[in-house]
Amino acid sequence: MSEWWGHFAGVIILVLMAVFIGIWIWAWRARHKRVFDRMARLPMEDERNTEVPRADGGAEDNEDDRR
């Protein structure tokens, strides 16, 4: 391998590391906490859709929800 290729790979690694750290900092900012908390509660909500969409555009009852 040439010396140029080693420098190029090093620069790419540094750029990718900087992008990763930038996204990590963006995600952990305080203003995102409210949105992430709301998204974290979504699986716990007790609202069920009783109709399952069919491929032909209609809907049928979900047998699990009839009990």
N, C-alpha and C. Protein backbone atom coordinates (compact mmCIF):
# COMPACT_ATOMS: atom_id res chain seq x y z
N MET A 1 0.84 -1.19 0.00
CA MET A 1 0.00 0.00 0.00
C MET A 1 0.87 1.24 0.00
N SER A 2 0.37 2.24 -0.65
CA SER A 2 1.15 3.48 -0.71
C SER A 2 0.90 4.34 0.53
N GLU A 3 1.79 5.28 0.73
CA GLU A 3 1.67 6.17 1.87
C GLU A 3 0.42 7.04 1.74
N TRP A 4 0.09 7.41 0.50
CA TRP A 4 -1.10 8.24 0.24
C TRP A 4 -2.36 7.54 0.71
N TRP A 5 -2.46 6.24 0.45
CA TRP A 5 -3.66 5.47 0.83
C TRP A 5 -3.81 5.43 2.35
N GLY A 6 -2.75 5.33 3.08
CA GLY A 6 -2.79 5.33 4.54
C GLY A 6 -3.27 6.65 5.09
N HIS A 7 -2.82 7.76 4.52
CA HIS A 7 -3.29 9.07 4.96
C HIS A 7 -4.77 9.26 4.62
N PHE A 8 -5.17 8.81 3.45
CA PHE A 8 -6.57 8.92 3.03
C PHE A 8 -7.48 8.13 3.98
N ALA A 9 -7.09 6.92 4.33
CA ALA A 9 -7.87 6.11 5.26
C ALA A 9 -7.94 6.77 6.63
N GLY A 10 -6.86 7.35 7.07
CA GLY A 10 -6.85 8.04 8.36
C GLY A 10 -7.79 9.24 8.38
N VAL A 11 -7.81 10.01 7.29
CA VAL A 11 -8.70 11.16 7.20
C VAL A 11 -10.16 10.70 7.20
N ILE A 12 -10.46 9.66 6.45
CA ILE A 12 -11.84 9.13 6.41
C ILE A 12 -12.27 8.68 7.80
N ILE A 13 -11.41 8.00 8.53
CA ILE A 13 -11.73 7.55 9.89
C ILE A 13 -11.99 8.75 10.79
N LEU A 14 -11.18 9.78 10.70
CA LEU A 14 -11.39 10.98 11.53
C LEU A 14 -12.70 11.68 11.18
N VAL A 15 -13.03 11.76 9.90
CA VAL A 15 -14.28 12.39 9.49
C VAL A 15 -15.47 11.60 10.00
N LEU A 16 -15.44 10.28 9.85
CA LEU A 16 -16.54 9.44 10.33
C LEU A 16 -16.67 9.51 11.85
N MET A 17 -15.56 9.58 12.56
CA MET A 17 -15.60 9.70 14.01
C MET A 17 -16.21 11.04 14.43
N ALA A 18 -15.85 12.11 13.71
CA ALA A 18 -16.41 13.43 14.01
C ALA A 18 -17.92 13.45 13.74
N VAL A 19 -18.36 12.81 12.66
CA VAL A 19 -19.80 12.73 12.36
C VAL A 19 -20.51 11.96 13.45
N PHE A 20 -19.95 10.84 13.88
CA PHE A 20 -20.56 10.04 14.94
C PHE A 20 -20.70 10.85 16.22
N ILE A 21 -19.64 11.53 16.62
CA ILE A 21 -19.69 12.33 17.85
C ILE A 21 -20.68 13.48 17.71
N GLY A 22 -20.75 14.09 16.52
CA GLY A 22 -21.71 15.16 16.29
C GLY A 22 -23.15 14.68 16.41
N ILE A 23 -23.46 13.52 15.84
CA ILE A 23 -24.81 12.97 15.96
C ILE A 23 -25.10 12.61 17.41
N TRP A 24 -24.13 12.06 18.11
CA TRP A 24 -24.32 11.69 19.52
C TRP A 24 -24.62 12.93 20.36
N ILE A 25 -23.88 14.01 20.13
CA ILE A 25 -24.13 15.26 20.88
C ILE A 25 -25.51 15.82 20.53
N TRP A 26 -25.87 15.80 19.25
CA TRP A 26 -27.18 16.30 18.82
C TRP A 26 -28.30 15.53 19.49
N ALA A 27 -28.17 14.21 19.55
CA ALA A 27 -29.24 13.37 20.11
C ALA A 27 -29.39 13.57 21.61
N TRP A 28 -28.33 13.88 22.33
CA TRP A 28 -28.40 14.01 23.78
C TRP A 28 -28.64 15.44 24.26
N ARG A 29 -28.93 16.35 23.35
CA ARG A 29 -29.22 17.73 23.76
C ARG A 29 -30.51 17.76 24.57
N ALA A 30 -30.60 18.68 25.48
CA ALA A 30 -31.74 18.75 26.41
C ALA A 30 -33.06 18.97 25.69
N ARG A 31 -33.07 19.69 24.59
CA ARG A 31 -34.33 19.96 23.92
C ARG A 31 -34.95 18.73 23.27
N HIS A 32 -34.20 17.66 23.09
CA HIS A 32 -34.72 16.43 22.51
C HIS A 32 -35.33 15.51 23.56
N LYS A 33 -35.13 15.79 24.83
CA LYS A 33 -35.59 14.91 25.90
C LYS A 33 -37.10 14.70 25.86
N ARG A 34 -37.87 15.76 25.65
CA ARG A 34 -39.33 15.65 25.64
C ARG A 34 -39.80 14.71 24.52
N VAL A 35 -39.22 14.85 23.34
CA VAL A 35 -39.61 14.01 22.20
C VAL A 35 -39.21 12.56 22.45
N PHE A 36 -38.01 12.34 22.95
CA PHE A 36 -37.56 10.97 23.20
C PHE A 36 -38.36 10.32 24.32
N ASP A 37 -38.74 11.08 25.34
CA ASP A 37 -39.58 10.52 26.40
C ASP A 37 -40.94 10.11 25.85
N ARG A 38 -41.52 10.94 24.98
CA ARG A 38 -42.81 10.62 24.39
C ARG A 38 -42.70 9.36 23.51
N MET A 39 -41.63 9.26 22.74
CA MET A 39 -41.43 8.10 21.89
C MET A 39 -41.19 6.84 22.72
N ALA A 40 -40.55 6.98 23.87
CA ALA A 40 -40.28 5.83 24.74
C ALA A 40 -41.57 5.28 25.34
N ARG A 41 -42.58 6.14 25.53
CA ARG A 41 -43.85 5.69 26.11
C ARG A 41 -44.80 5.06 25.08
N LEU A 42 -44.52 5.20 23.80
CA LEU A 42 -45.43 4.69 22.77
C LEU A 42 -45.75 3.19 22.93
N PRO A 43 -44.78 2.33 23.19
CA PRO A 43 -45.13 0.91 23.32
C PRO A 43 -46.01 0.61 24.54
N MET A 44 -46.00 1.49 25.54
CA MET A 44 -46.77 1.23 26.75
C MET A 44 -48.22 1.71 26.65
N GLU A 45 -48.54 2.49 25.62
CA GLU A 45 -49.89 2.99 25.50
C GLU A 45 -50.86 1.84 25.22
N ASP A 46 -52.05 1.95 25.78
CA ASP A 46 -53.00 0.85 25.72
C ASP A 46 -54.06 1.08 24.64
N GLU A 47 -53.70 1.72 23.57
CA GLU A 47 -54.63 1.91 22.48
C GLU A 47 -54.34 0.86 21.42
N ARG A 48 -55.37 0.05 21.13
CA ARG A 48 -55.20 -1.01 20.15
C ARG A 48 -56.06 -0.72 18.93
N ASN A 49 -55.54 -1.03 17.80
CA ASN A 49 -56.30 -0.91 16.57
C ASN A 49 -57.02 -2.24 16.37
N THR A 50 -58.35 -2.21 16.33
CA THR A 50 -59.11 -3.45 16.24
C THR A 50 -59.27 -3.92 14.81
N GLU A 51 -58.87 -3.12 13.83
CA GLU A 51 -58.97 -3.53 12.45
C GLU A 51 -57.59 -3.73 11.87
N VAL A 52 -57.44 -4.84 11.14
CA VAL A 52 -56.17 -5.14 10.49
C VAL A 52 -56.37 -4.89 9.00
N PRO A 53 -55.59 -3.99 8.39
CA PRO A 53 -55.79 -3.71 6.97
C PRO A 53 -55.43 -4.91 6.12
N ARG A 54 -56.24 -5.14 5.08
CA ARG A 54 -55.97 -6.23 4.14
C ARG A 54 -55.31 -5.66 2.90
N ALA A 55 -54.75 -6.54 2.11
CA ALA A 55 -54.06 -6.13 0.89
C ALA A 55 -55.01 -5.49 -0.11
N ASP A 56 -56.31 -5.89 -0.09
CA ASP A 56 -57.26 -5.36 -1.07
C ASP A 56 -57.86 -4.03 -0.63
N GLY A 57 -57.38 -3.45 0.46
CA GLY A 57 -57.85 -2.14 0.91
C GLY A 57 -58.94 -2.22 1.96
N GLY A 58 -59.52 -3.39 2.18
CA GLY A 58 -60.55 -3.55 3.20
C GLY A 58 -59.93 -3.75 4.57
N ALA A 59 -60.76 -4.11 5.52
CA ALA A 59 -60.25 -4.36 6.87
C ALA A 59 -61.01 -5.54 7.46
N GLU A 60 -60.34 -6.26 8.31
CA GLU A 60 -60.98 -7.38 9.00
C GLU A 60 -60.69 -7.26 10.48
N ASP A 61 -61.55 -7.86 11.30
CA ASP A 61 -61.36 -7.81 12.75
C ASP A 61 -60.12 -8.59 13.13
N ASN A 62 -59.43 -8.09 14.11
CA ASN A 62 -58.28 -8.78 14.67
C ASN A 62 -58.79 -9.74 15.73
N GLU A 63 -58.57 -11.03 15.54
CA GLU A 63 -59.12 -12.04 16.45
C GLU A 63 -58.58 -11.90 17.86
N ASP A 64 -57.36 -11.43 18.03
CA ASP A 64 -56.77 -11.30 19.36
C ASP A 64 -57.49 -10.23 20.17
N ASP A 65 -58.05 -9.21 19.53
CA ASP A 65 -58.69 -8.13 20.26
C ASP A 65 -60.16 -8.40 20.59
N ARG A 66 -60.72 -9.48 20.07
CA ARG A 66 -62.14 -9.76 20.34
C ARG A 66 -62.35 -10.40 21.69
N ARG A 67 -61.32 -10.87 22.35
CA ARG A 67 -61.47 -11.55 23.62
C ARG A 67 -61.75 -10.62 24.74
